[in-house]
Amino acid sequence: MNRYFALIPVVLVLLTSCETEVVEECAIPATIRVINNTICTPDIELDGDVIADELVYLDSVEVEVNAGNYDVSAEMAFISLCEDQNWNFDIECGELVILTVE
């Protein structure tokens, strides 16, 4: 039984030493806006999740997020005159980032 008590500090050290990504909760969320300025209709993805399907010409999509680092991509159809676009950026609370698909 005493040997189990000796394992408790080891387990606690292992559990508390893991690195976790700290996401800052924003009182005023940050905003990411993507505007399609092409004749193509891309799917817009935020960190791999689709936030807009087939965004049409001059249309936009807007999403509120917490402060952090984000990947945004404009994925075109398999056969398209337009090229995929990708962005990676950090955003702070209350900030507005406008991305234009061109």
Protein backbone atom coordinates (compact mmCIF):
# COMPACT_ATOMS: atom_id res chain seq x y z
CA MET A 1 0.00 0.00 0.00
CA ASN A 2 2.87 2.41 0.76
CA ARG A 3 4.28 1.96 -2.74
CA TYR A 4 1.02 3.36 -4.20
CA PHE A 5 1.43 6.53 -2.15
CA ALA A 6 4.91 6.94 -3.63
CA LEU A 7 3.39 6.92 -7.13
CA ILE A 8 0.97 9.77 -6.41
CA PRO A 9 3.60 12.56 -6.64
CA VAL A 10 4.97 11.05 -9.87
CA VAL A 11 1.51 10.96 -11.44
CA LEU A 12 0.83 14.55 -10.35
CA VAL A 13 4.09 15.76 -11.91
CA LEU A 14 3.30 13.98 -15.16
CA LEU A 15 -0.21 15.43 -15.33
CA THR A 16 0.84 19.00 -14.58
CA SER A 17 3.88 19.03 -16.86
CA CYS A 18 1.91 18.56 -20.10
CA GLU A 19 1.84 21.60 -22.35
CA THR A 20 -1.57 22.79 -23.40
CA GLU A 21 -2.43 25.49 -25.89
CA VAL A 22 -3.66 28.54 -24.03
CA VAL A 23 -6.54 30.27 -25.79
CA GLU A 24 -7.29 33.75 -24.57
CA GLU A 25 -11.03 34.21 -24.08
CA CYS A 26 -12.00 37.58 -25.46
CA ALA A 27 -14.52 39.95 -23.90
CA ILE A 28 -14.66 41.55 -27.36
CA PRO A 29 -14.11 38.73 -29.89
CA ALA A 30 -11.81 39.09 -32.85
CA THR A 31 -13.38 38.99 -36.31
CA ILE A 32 -12.15 37.31 -39.47
CA ARG A 33 -13.87 38.43 -42.68
CA VAL A 34 -13.19 36.77 -46.04
CA ILE A 35 -14.34 38.52 -49.23
CA ASN A 36 -14.50 36.71 -52.58
CA ASN A 37 -13.25 39.03 -55.31
CA THR A 38 -13.15 36.38 -58.06
CA ILE A 39 -15.62 34.82 -60.46
CA CYS A 40 -14.82 31.47 -58.87
CA THR A 41 -16.80 30.06 -55.94
CA PRO A 42 -14.36 28.86 -53.28
CA ASP A 43 -15.10 26.96 -50.10
CA ILE A 44 -13.68 28.93 -47.17
CA GLU A 45 -12.09 26.93 -44.36
CA LEU A 46 -11.00 28.06 -40.91
CA ASP A 47 -8.53 25.65 -39.29
CA GLY A 48 -9.84 22.87 -41.55
CA ASP A 49 -13.55 23.50 -40.87
CA VAL A 50 -15.70 24.80 -43.73
CA ILE A 51 -17.29 28.12 -42.77
CA ALA A 52 -18.70 28.96 -46.24
CA ASP A 53 -19.60 26.73 -49.18
CA GLU A 54 -19.20 28.12 -52.69
CA LEU A 55 -18.82 31.78 -51.76
CA VAL A 56 -20.04 33.78 -54.77
CA TYR A 57 -18.50 36.87 -56.38
CA LEU A 58 -18.37 39.90 -54.03
CA ASP A 59 -19.96 37.92 -51.21
CA SER A 60 -18.27 37.59 -47.83
CA VAL A 61 -18.29 35.45 -44.72
CA GLU A 62 -17.49 36.65 -41.22
CA VAL A 63 -16.68 34.66 -38.10
CA GLU A 64 -15.90 35.72 -34.53
CA VAL A 65 -12.97 34.00 -32.83
CA ASN A 66 -10.82 34.20 -29.71
CA ALA A 67 -7.28 35.53 -29.83
CA GLY A 68 -4.85 33.04 -31.33
CA ASN A 69 -3.25 31.72 -34.50
CA TYR A 70 -5.51 30.70 -37.37
CA ASP A 71 -5.22 29.07 -40.79
CA VAL A 72 -7.73 30.24 -43.39
CA SER A 73 -7.93 28.80 -46.88
CA ALA A 74 -9.97 29.39 -50.02
CA GLU A 75 -10.32 26.02 -51.72
CA MET A 76 -11.38 26.14 -55.36
CA ALA A 77 -13.14 23.43 -57.34
CA PHE A 78 -10.97 20.66 -58.78
CA ILE A 79 -11.14 22.26 -62.22
CA SER A 80 -11.01 26.02 -61.82
CA LEU A 81 -9.53 29.12 -63.41
CA CYS A 82 -8.64 30.36 -59.92
CA GLU A 83 -5.94 29.12 -57.56
CA ASP A 84 -6.34 28.04 -53.95
CA GLN A 85 -5.22 30.62 -51.40
CA ASN A 86 -3.98 30.13 -47.85
CA TRP A 87 -3.33 32.51 -44.97
CA ASN A 88 -1.83 31.98 -41.52
CA PHE A 89 -1.90 34.79 -38.97
CA ASP A 90 -2.19 35.74 -35.32
CA ILE A 91 -5.18 37.78 -34.18
CA GLU A 92 -5.80 39.67 -30.95
CA CYS A 93 -9.04 40.32 -29.07
CA GLY A 94 -11.19 42.97 -30.75
CA GLU A 95 -9.10 42.93 -33.93
CA LEU A 96 -10.59 42.71 -37.44
CA VAL A 97 -8.73 40.81 -40.17
CA ILE A 98 -10.03 41.17 -43.71
CA LEU A 99 -8.86 38.61 -46.27
CA THR A 100 -9.61 38.98 -49.97
CA VAL A 101 -9.71 36.03 -52.37
CA GLU A 102 -8.22 37.31 -55.62
